[in-house]
């Protein structure tokens, strides 16, 4: 979290802008900007029109808020039309469906008060309040506090939310008796960017890793969002690690405190409104290695990161094509939501010239490129292999038993 911008939040220019946007003039200007955007008006004429209405100082913020709400609408639905947002907080905000799921599990064992540590725009705060909790939303950034207070009020949960300035490190250090800041539960989403760059080292997060570990130790009813690439060795004993996938991408990774932990590792797949889960109480180990067979299976990335791929491999009768590569192969297609399956038509050592000749001989002109364990970029490969043929294929560049290999899959005349 950034430090306080000023001793008096009301004197902060960004806070003043947020408060103007919350008022009647700002709301009217944002509605006008939204109408202009909906009509396809470009930036320069749109800003010119807004300057006429509200002056040059407020035209830009109104236009930006309308633009951010339009971006948020596919995820947040009607809520987006009243949310106050910044570009950074919209990027950080979790999906409401997942926030509601986290809130439900956090409160399932009777906690009725939660400290939301690092509240950003308040989207997690709102999910917790909607789930029935009283929420203390804490942030050092006055803009984050302003956004959270405004959004909680706009969405009808303002009476259940208290917004406060506070230092998370100090709050965690003073946690006692399983509570923090007088709350029975806590949620934390450490800032993992600084200066526009992603911080891969958890010790450089804000708050840093020692505070994350201390929270999980001192407040058993807690959940922390972490980077999906977190080293498994960092996960404390007795803490459940979960990776969540939506639309084929990992959307969040979570550490559940010992008061909520139910298993060793969990991977969760959100698919068409349904939630599928796979768990293990102990490390299931790696899947066995075998040759490339008739079908190639590409596991969901959350399944890979969770370390539970061997469970799915066993169900499919599949083996890894290489001990270091997350591709599985079997004799049959897989009817499993955890993998995408491709029929293997050719297996050959990687040679671009010979690969082009093979594809042309088979009439393949359109290629979808995939890769694992290779420096080749799929988009570049697809351009290099594009040809005059009408057939299509999936071309996978990878390693098989340590050797650079190409798999030509699903050749068809679509």
Protein backbone atom coordinates (compact mmCIF):
# COMPACT_ATOMS: atom_id res chain seq x y z
CA UNK A 1 0.00 0.00 0.00
CA UNK A 2 1.23 3.52 -0.70
CA UNK A 3 1.91 5.82 2.23
CA UNK A 4 -0.52 8.53 3.29
CA UNK A 5 -0.47 11.26 0.68
CA UNK A 6 -1.15 13.97 3.24
CA UNK A 7 -2.00 14.38 6.91
CA UNK A 8 -5.43 15.73 5.96
CA UNK A 9 -7.15 13.47 3.40
CA UNK A 10 -9.61 16.21 2.50
CA UNK A 11 -6.69 18.34 1.30
CA UNK A 12 -5.48 15.64 -1.09
CA UNK A 13 -6.31 16.70 -4.69
CA UNK A 14 -7.19 13.12 -5.65
CA UNK A 15 -9.58 12.82 -2.69
CA UNK A 16 -11.13 16.17 -3.59
CA UNK A 17 -11.70 14.87 -7.13
CA UNK A 18 -13.33 11.68 -5.80
CA UNK A 19 -15.65 13.72 -3.61
CA UNK A 20 -16.61 15.96 -6.51
CA UNK A 21 -17.38 12.88 -8.63
CA UNK A 22 -19.63 11.61 -5.81
CA UNK A 23 -21.59 14.87 -5.74
CA UNK A 24 -24.48 15.90 -8.01
CA UNK A 25 -22.31 17.83 -10.48
CA UNK A 26 -19.83 14.97 -10.80
CA UNK A 27 -22.58 12.39 -11.18
CA UNK A 28 -24.19 14.46 -13.95
CA UNK A 29 -20.85 14.92 -15.71
CA UNK A 30 -20.11 11.19 -15.52
CA UNK A 31 -23.55 10.36 -16.93
CA UNK A 32 -22.91 12.73 -19.84
CA UNK A 33 -19.50 11.16 -20.43
CA UNK A 34 -21.10 7.70 -20.41
CA UNK A 35 -23.66 8.83 -22.99
CA UNK A 36 -20.91 10.22 -25.22
CA UNK A 37 -18.91 6.99 -24.94
CA UNK A 38 -22.00 4.90 -25.71
CA UNK A 39 -22.52 6.97 -28.89
CA UNK A 40 -18.93 6.31 -29.94
CA UNK A 41 -17.73 9.88 -29.47
CA UNK A 42 -13.93 10.06 -29.58
CA UNK A 43 -11.80 11.34 -26.72
CA UNK A 44 -10.99 14.84 -27.97
CA UNK A 45 -14.53 15.92 -28.94
CA UNK A 46 -15.88 14.16 -25.86
CA UNK A 47 -13.58 16.09 -23.55
CA UNK A 48 -14.39 19.31 -25.38
CA UNK A 49 -18.10 18.79 -24.70
CA UNK A 50 -17.43 18.01 -21.03
CA UNK A 51 -15.25 21.10 -20.63
CA UNK A 52 -18.17 23.20 -21.78
CA UNK A 53 -20.36 21.60 -19.11
CA UNK A 54 -18.06 21.29 -16.07
CA UNK A 55 -14.82 23.08 -16.92
CA UNK A 56 -11.37 21.76 -17.79
CA UNK A 57 -10.53 20.65 -14.23
CA UNK A 58 -13.34 18.10 -14.02
CA UNK A 59 -13.75 16.98 -17.63
CA UNK A 60 -10.92 14.46 -17.56
CA UNK A 61 -11.92 12.73 -14.29
CA UNK A 62 -15.55 12.39 -15.42
CA UNK A 63 -14.50 10.91 -18.75
CA UNK A 64 -12.07 8.49 -17.08
CA UNK A 65 -14.65 7.31 -14.55
CA UNK A 66 -17.21 6.69 -17.29
CA UNK A 67 -14.60 4.74 -19.25
CA UNK A 68 -13.65 2.63 -16.22
CA UNK A 69 -17.29 1.87 -15.45
CA UNK A 70 -17.79 0.68 -19.02
CA UNK A 71 -14.80 -1.64 -18.61
CA UNK A 72 -16.12 -2.88 -15.27
CA UNK A 73 -19.70 -3.53 -16.43
CA UNK A 74 -19.12 -7.00 -17.97
CA UNK A 75 -17.71 -8.19 -14.62
CA UNK A 76 -19.64 -6.14 -12.06
CA UNK A 77 -22.96 -5.79 -13.88
CA UNK A 78 -25.28 -2.98 -12.69
CA UNK A 79 -23.01 -2.29 -9.69
CA UNK A 80 -20.46 -0.81 -12.10
CA UNK A 81 -22.75 2.14 -12.83
CA UNK A 82 -22.37 3.50 -9.29
CA UNK A 83 -18.83 2.41 -8.39
CA UNK A 84 -16.04 4.92 -7.93
CA UNK A 85 -12.90 3.45 -9.48
CA UNK A 86 -9.36 4.22 -10.52
CA UNK A 87 -7.44 2.29 -13.16
CA UNK A 88 -5.26 0.66 -10.50
CA UNK A 89 -8.13 -0.38 -8.24
CA UNK A 90 -10.14 -1.78 -11.15
CA UNK A 91 -7.18 -3.95 -12.13
CA UNK A 92 -6.81 -5.11 -8.52
CA UNK A 93 -10.53 -5.69 -7.89
CA UNK A 94 -11.60 -9.31 -7.70
CA UNK A 95 -14.62 -10.67 -9.52
CA UNK A 96 -17.83 -10.37 -7.45
CA UNK A 97 -18.61 -14.08 -7.84
CA UNK A 98 -15.25 -15.03 -6.37
CA UNK A 99 -15.37 -12.34 -3.68
CA UNK A 100 -18.75 -13.67 -2.55
CA UNK A 101 -17.37 -17.21 -2.47
CA UNK A 102 -14.41 -16.13 -0.33
CA UNK A 103 -16.68 -14.17 2.01
CA UNK A 104 -19.01 -17.14 2.47
CA UNK A 105 -16.18 -19.46 3.43
CA UNK A 106 -14.55 -16.87 5.71
CA UNK A 107 -17.78 -16.45 7.69
CA UNK A 108 -18.93 -20.09 7.59
CA UNK A 109 -17.67 -20.93 11.09
CA UNK A 110 -19.41 -18.10 12.88
CA UNK A 111 -17.20 -15.02 12.50
CA UNK A 112 -19.34 -11.89 12.16
CA UNK A 113 -16.66 -9.18 12.02
CA UNK A 114 -13.84 -8.94 9.49
CA UNK A 115 -10.85 -6.65 9.02
CA UNK A 116 -10.30 -6.04 5.31
CA UNK A 117 -6.61 -5.16 5.33
CA UNK A 118 -5.82 -3.05 2.27
CA UNK A 119 -9.32 -2.28 1.03
CA UNK A 120 -8.44 -0.60 -2.32
CA UNK A 121 -11.81 0.22 -3.96
CA UNK A 122 -13.76 -1.79 -1.38
CA UNK A 123 -15.03 -4.59 -3.62
CA UNK A 124 -14.03 -7.27 -1.07
CA UNK A 125 -15.38 -5.11 1.75
CA UNK A 126 -18.74 -4.95 -0.01
CA UNK A 127 -18.82 -8.71 -0.59
CA UNK A 128 -18.15 -9.32 3.11
CA UNK A 129 -20.87 -6.87 4.18
CA UNK A 130 -23.35 -8.43 1.76
CA UNK A 131 -22.53 -11.82 3.32
CA UNK A 132 -23.58 -10.49 6.72
CA UNK A 133 -20.34 -9.29 8.30
CA UNK A 134 -19.48 -6.05 10.00
CA UNK A 135 -16.36 -4.89 8.19
CA UNK A 136 -13.46 -2.71 9.27
CA UNK A 137 -11.85 -1.55 6.00
CA UNK A 138 -8.25 -0.47 6.57
CA UNK A 139 -5.89 1.33 4.21
CA UNK A 140 -3.12 3.90 4.52
CA UNK A 141 -4.08 5.46 1.18
CA UNK A 142 -6.76 8.16 1.60
CA UNK A 143 -7.95 7.61 -1.98
CA UNK A 144 -8.58 3.93 -1.22
CA UNK A 145 -10.51 4.90 1.90
CA UNK A 146 -12.57 7.41 -0.05
CA UNK A 147 -13.36 4.85 -2.75
CA UNK A 148 -14.35 2.20 -0.21
CA UNK A 149 -16.60 4.51 1.80
CA UNK A 150 -18.30 5.79 -1.36
CA UNK A 151 -18.80 2.37 -2.91
CA UNK A 152 -20.13 0.82 0.30
CA UNK A 153 -22.66 3.64 0.62
CA UNK A 154 -23.64 3.52 -3.06
CA UNK A 155 -24.33 -0.22 -2.85
CA UNK A 156 -26.35 -0.03 0.34
CA UNK A 157 -23.96 -1.53 2.90
CA UNK A 158 -22.50 1.66 4.32
CA UNK A 159 -24.00 1.02 7.77
CA UNK A 160 -22.02 -2.24 8.06
CA UNK A 161 -18.67 -0.76 7.02
CA UNK A 162 -16.19 1.32 8.99
CA UNK A 163 -13.29 2.78 7.03
CA UNK A 164 -10.08 3.59 8.87
CA UNK A 165 -6.49 4.61 8.26
CA UNK A 166 -4.05 2.08 9.59
CA UNK A 167 -0.72 0.36 9.11
CA UNK A 168 -1.20 -3.34 8.37
CA UNK A 169 2.19 -4.35 9.73
CA UNK A 170 1.40 -2.68 13.06
CA UNK A 171 -2.10 -4.15 13.20
CA UNK A 172 -0.81 -7.68 12.58
CA UNK A 173 1.98 -7.24 15.12
CA UNK A 174 -0.62 -6.27 17.74
CA UNK A 175 -3.07 -9.08 16.93
CA UNK A 176 -3.92 -11.16 19.98
CA UNK A 177 -6.26 -13.99 20.92
CA UNK A 178 -7.06 -14.85 17.32
CA UNK A 179 -8.46 -11.37 16.66
CA UNK A 180 -7.13 -8.32 14.86
CA UNK A 181 -8.30 -4.74 15.45
CA UNK A 182 -11.24 -6.17 17.41
CA UNK A 183 -12.35 -8.37 14.50
CA UNK A 184 -12.72 -12.15 14.55
CA UNK A 185 -11.52 -12.64 10.97
CA UNK A 186 -9.30 -10.96 8.40
CA UNK A 187 -8.68 -10.78 4.70
CA UNK A 188 -5.50 -9.45 3.12
CA UNK A 189 -4.50 -8.75 -0.47
CA UNK A 190 -0.87 -7.59 -0.41
CA UNK A 191 0.18 -5.10 -3.09
CA UNK A 192 2.35 -7.02 -5.53
CA UNK A 193 3.31 -4.13 -7.80
CA UNK A 194 5.64 -1.21 -7.21
CA UNK A 195 6.47 1.50 -9.71
CA UNK A 196 4.33 -0.24 -12.31
CA UNK A 197 6.37 -3.46 -12.04
CA UNK A 198 5.27 -6.81 -10.67
CA UNK A 199 7.12 -7.84 -7.52
CA UNK A 200 7.94 -11.54 -7.79
CA UNK A 201 9.69 -11.74 -4.43
CA UNK A 202 7.09 -12.03 -1.62
CA UNK A 203 9.51 -10.26 0.70
CA UNK A 204 9.00 -7.16 -1.48
CA UNK A 205 5.21 -7.21 -1.31
CA UNK A 206 3.41 -4.57 0.72
CA UNK A 207 2.99 -5.71 3.42
CA UNK A 208 5.93 -8.13 3.03
CA UNK A 209 5.87 -11.89 3.49
CA UNK A 210 6.71 -11.91 7.22
CA UNK A 211 3.48 -9.97 7.86
CA UNK A 212 1.51 -12.40 5.67
CA UNK A 213 2.88 -15.37 7.62
CA UNK A 214 2.26 -13.62 10.94
CA UNK A 215 -1.37 -12.90 10.05
CA UNK A 216 -1.99 -16.54 9.14
CA UNK A 217 -0.36 -17.58 12.43
CA UNK A 218 -2.10 -15.08 14.73
CA UNK A 219 -5.57 -14.91 13.13
CA UNK A 220 -6.70 -18.46 12.30
CA UNK A 221 -9.87 -17.22 10.57
CA UNK A 222 -8.10 -15.42 7.76
CA UNK A 223 -7.52 -15.60 4.03
CA UNK A 224 -4.70 -14.03 2.03
CA UNK A 225 -4.55 -13.50 -1.72
CA UNK A 226 -1.11 -14.37 -3.05
CA UNK A 227 0.61 -14.55 -6.43
CA UNK A 228 -0.29 -17.75 -8.32
CA UNK A 229 3.40 -18.47 -8.77
CA UNK A 230 4.08 -18.53 -5.03
CA UNK A 231 6.67 -21.16 -4.13
CA UNK A 232 4.91 -24.05 -2.37
CA UNK A 233 7.69 -24.08 0.22
CA UNK A 234 6.41 -20.69 1.44
CA UNK A 235 3.04 -22.11 2.49
CA UNK A 236 3.07 -22.54 6.29
CA UNK A 237 2.22 -25.92 7.81
CA UNK A 238 -1.50 -26.35 8.42
CA UNK A 239 -2.44 -23.62 5.94
CA UNK A 240 -4.49 -24.61 2.89
CA UNK A 241 -3.33 -23.28 -0.48
CA UNK A 242 -5.93 -22.92 -3.24
CA UNK A 243 -5.63 -21.96 -6.90
CA UNK A 244 -8.77 -20.79 -8.73
CA UNK A 245 -9.29 -20.88 -12.50
CA UNK A 246 -11.89 -19.02 -14.55
CA UNK A 247 -12.04 -19.11 -18.32
CA UNK A 248 -8.83 -21.10 -18.59
CA UNK A 249 -6.75 -18.64 -16.57
CA UNK A 250 -5.70 -18.54 -12.93
CA UNK A 251 -7.63 -15.64 -11.43
CA UNK A 252 -6.52 -15.96 -7.83
CA UNK A 253 -4.44 -17.96 -5.40
CA UNK A 254 -5.43 -18.08 -1.74
CA UNK A 255 -3.97 -19.12 1.59
CA UNK A 256 -6.61 -20.14 4.12
CA UNK A 257 -5.72 -19.81 7.82
CA UNK A 258 -5.65 -22.82 10.12
CA UNK A 259 -9.13 -22.07 11.45
CA UNK A 260 -10.53 -22.49 7.93
CA UNK A 261 -8.11 -24.94 6.35
CA UNK A 262 -9.78 -28.18 5.26
CA UNK A 263 -7.08 -29.85 3.18
CA UNK A 264 -3.45 -29.57 2.05
CA UNK A 265 -4.00 -28.26 -1.49
CA UNK A 266 -7.10 -27.35 -3.47
CA UNK A 267 -7.66 -26.38 -7.08
CA UNK A 268 -10.97 -24.83 -8.09
CA UNK A 269 -12.49 -24.48 -11.53
CA UNK A 270 -15.31 -22.00 -12.12
CA UNK A 271 -17.05 -23.14 -15.29
CA UNK A 272 -20.39 -21.86 -16.63
CA UNK A 273 -21.51 -20.88 -13.15
CA UNK A 274 -20.57 -24.24 -11.62
CA UNK A 275 -17.70 -24.64 -9.17
CA UNK A 276 -15.60 -27.82 -9.37
CA UNK A 277 -12.95 -28.65 -6.78
CA UNK A 278 -10.11 -31.11 -6.51
CA UNK A 279 -8.30 -31.59 -3.20
CA UNK A 280 -5.50 -33.59 -1.61
CA UNK A 281 -4.61 -33.99 2.06
CA UNK A 282 -1.02 -34.87 1.23
CA UNK A 283 1.31 -34.45 -1.73
CA UNK A 284 0.16 -36.95 -4.41
CA UNK A 285 3.52 -36.75 -6.19
CA UNK A 286 4.14 -36.47 -9.91
CA UNK A 287 2.36 -38.33 -12.68
CA UNK A 288 4.37 -41.11 -14.35
CA UNK A 289 6.18 -40.41 -17.62
CA UNK A 290 5.42 -42.22 -20.85
CA UNK A 291 5.49 -41.87 -24.63
CA UNK A 292 3.28 -39.61 -26.74
CA UNK A 293 0.16 -41.58 -27.57
CA UNK A 294 -2.95 -40.83 -29.58
CA UNK A 295 -4.17 -37.87 -27.54
CA UNK A 296 -2.46 -34.88 -25.94
CA UNK A 297 -4.06 -33.26 -22.87
CA UNK A 298 -3.35 -29.69 -21.79
CA UNK A 299 -4.14 -29.29 -18.06
CA UNK A 300 -5.82 -26.21 -16.65
CA UNK A 301 -3.14 -23.84 -15.30
CA UNK A 302 -4.64 -23.87 -11.79
CA UNK A 303 -4.38 -27.66 -11.76
CA UNK A 304 -0.72 -27.38 -12.73
CA UNK A 305 0.11 -24.80 -10.07
CA UNK A 306 -1.69 -26.75 -7.33
CA UNK A 307 0.54 -29.78 -7.80
CA UNK A 308 -2.50 -32.06 -8.16
CA UNK A 309 -2.09 -32.97 -11.83
CA UNK A 310 -1.24 -36.59 -11.03
CA UNK A 311 -4.76 -37.11 -9.65
CA UNK A 312 -6.31 -36.18 -13.01
CA UNK A 313 -3.65 -38.17 -14.87
CA UNK A 314 -4.61 -41.28 -12.93
CA UNK A 315 -8.29 -40.80 -13.74
CA UNK A 316 -7.48 -40.45 -17.45
CA UNK A 317 -4.93 -43.25 -17.62
CA UNK A 318 -2.52 -40.60 -18.86
CA UNK A 319 1.21 -40.02 -18.47
CA UNK A 320 3.49 -37.03 -18.74
CA UNK A 321 5.31 -36.70 -22.07
CA UNK A 322 8.36 -35.35 -20.21
CA UNK A 323 9.11 -35.14 -16.48
CA UNK A 324 9.48 -31.36 -16.69
CA UNK A 325 6.58 -30.55 -19.05
CA UNK A 326 2.92 -30.21 -18.04
CA UNK A 327 1.43 -32.08 -20.99
CA UNK A 328 -0.29 -35.43 -20.56
CA UNK A 329 -0.91 -38.12 -23.15
CA UNK A 330 -3.23 -41.12 -23.35
CA UNK A 331 -4.84 -43.48 -25.83
CA UNK A 332 -8.27 -41.85 -25.65
CA UNK A 333 -9.82 -38.37 -25.57
CA UNK A 334 -10.62 -37.02 -22.12
CA UNK A 335 -14.10 -36.09 -20.95
CA UNK A 336 -12.72 -33.94 -18.16
CA UNK A 337 -13.12 -30.24 -17.36
CA UNK A 338 -9.54 -30.20 -16.04
CA UNK A 339 -7.89 -30.67 -19.44
CA UNK A 340 -8.26 -29.71 -23.09
CA UNK A 341 -7.66 -32.64 -25.44
CA UNK A 342 -6.10 -32.72 -28.93
CA UNK A 343 -5.80 -35.69 -31.28
CA UNK A 344 -2.14 -36.25 -32.17
CA UNK A 345 -1.58 -36.71 -35.92
CA UNK A 346 2.22 -36.39 -36.16
CA UNK A 347 5.18 -36.46 -33.79
CA UNK A 348 8.53 -35.27 -35.16
CA UNK A 349 11.79 -33.66 -34.04
CA UNK A 350 11.62 -29.88 -34.17
CA UNK A 351 12.79 -28.62 -37.56
CA UNK A 352 11.01 -25.57 -38.92
CA UNK A 353 11.75 -26.30 -42.57
CA UNK A 354 10.53 -29.90 -42.37
CA UNK A 355 7.50 -28.82 -40.37
CA UNK A 356 6.49 -26.30 -43.05
CA UNK A 357 6.86 -28.95 -45.74
CA UNK A 358 4.74 -31.43 -43.78
CA UNK A 359 1.93 -28.90 -43.23
CA UNK A 360 1.87 -27.87 -46.86
CA UNK A 361 1.76 -31.51 -47.94
CA UNK A 362 -1.27 -31.97 -45.70
CA UNK A 363 -2.96 -28.79 -46.99
CA UNK A 364 -2.69 -26.94 -43.66
CA UNK A 365 -2.81 -23.17 -44.00
CA UNK A 366 -4.12 -22.08 -40.60
CA UNK A 367 -2.21 -22.95 -37.44
CA UNK A 368 -2.87 -22.47 -33.74
CA UNK A 369 0.51 -22.49 -32.00
CA UNK A 370 1.11 -23.80 -28.49
CA UNK A 371 4.30 -24.33 -26.57
CA UNK A 372 5.78 -25.53 -23.31
CA UNK A 373 9.49 -25.81 -22.62
CA UNK A 374 10.41 -23.87 -25.76
CA UNK A 375 11.46 -20.24 -26.32
CA UNK A 376 9.33 -20.00 -29.46
CA UNK A 377 6.35 -17.67 -29.19
CA UNK A 378 3.09 -19.30 -30.41
CA UNK A 379 1.99 -16.20 -32.34
CA UNK A 380 5.32 -16.04 -34.17
CA UNK A 381 5.15 -19.75 -34.98
CA UNK A 382 1.60 -19.41 -36.33
CA UNK A 383 2.71 -16.60 -38.68
CA UNK A 384 5.72 -18.56 -39.87
CA UNK A 385 3.60 -21.61 -40.65
CA UNK A 386 0.71 -19.83 -42.34
CA UNK A 387 0.18 -21.16 -45.87
CA UNK A 388 -2.28 -21.39 -48.76
CA UNK A 389 -4.01 -24.58 -47.62
CA UNK A 390 -7.60 -24.68 -46.36
CA UNK A 391 -7.02 -27.14 -43.51
CA UNK A 392 -6.15 -26.16 -39.94
CA UNK A 393 -4.06 -27.70 -37.21
CA UNK A 394 -2.83 -27.22 -33.67
CA UNK A 395 0.97 -27.25 -33.58
CA UNK A 396 2.59 -27.88 -30.20
CA UNK A 397 6.29 -27.15 -29.73
CA UNK A 398 7.60 -28.82 -26.59
CA UNK A 399 10.02 -31.40 -25.22
CA UNK A 400 9.46 -35.13 -25.21
CA UNK A 401 11.87 -37.17 -23.12
CA UNK A 402 14.15 -34.14 -23.11
CA UNK A 403 14.25 -33.66 -26.90
CA UNK A 404 12.77 -30.62 -28.76
CA UNK A 405 9.67 -32.01 -30.43
CA UNK A 406 6.70 -30.88 -32.53
CA UNK A 407 3.25 -32.42 -32.19
CA UNK A 408 0.85 -31.75 -35.05
CA UNK A 409 -2.67 -32.15 -33.69
CA UNK A 410 -6.28 -32.05 -34.88
CA UNK A 411 -5.62 -31.59 -38.57
CA UNK A 412 -9.00 -30.87 -40.17
CA UNK A 413 -10.64 -29.22 -43.18
CA UNK A 414 -12.77 -26.83 -41.11
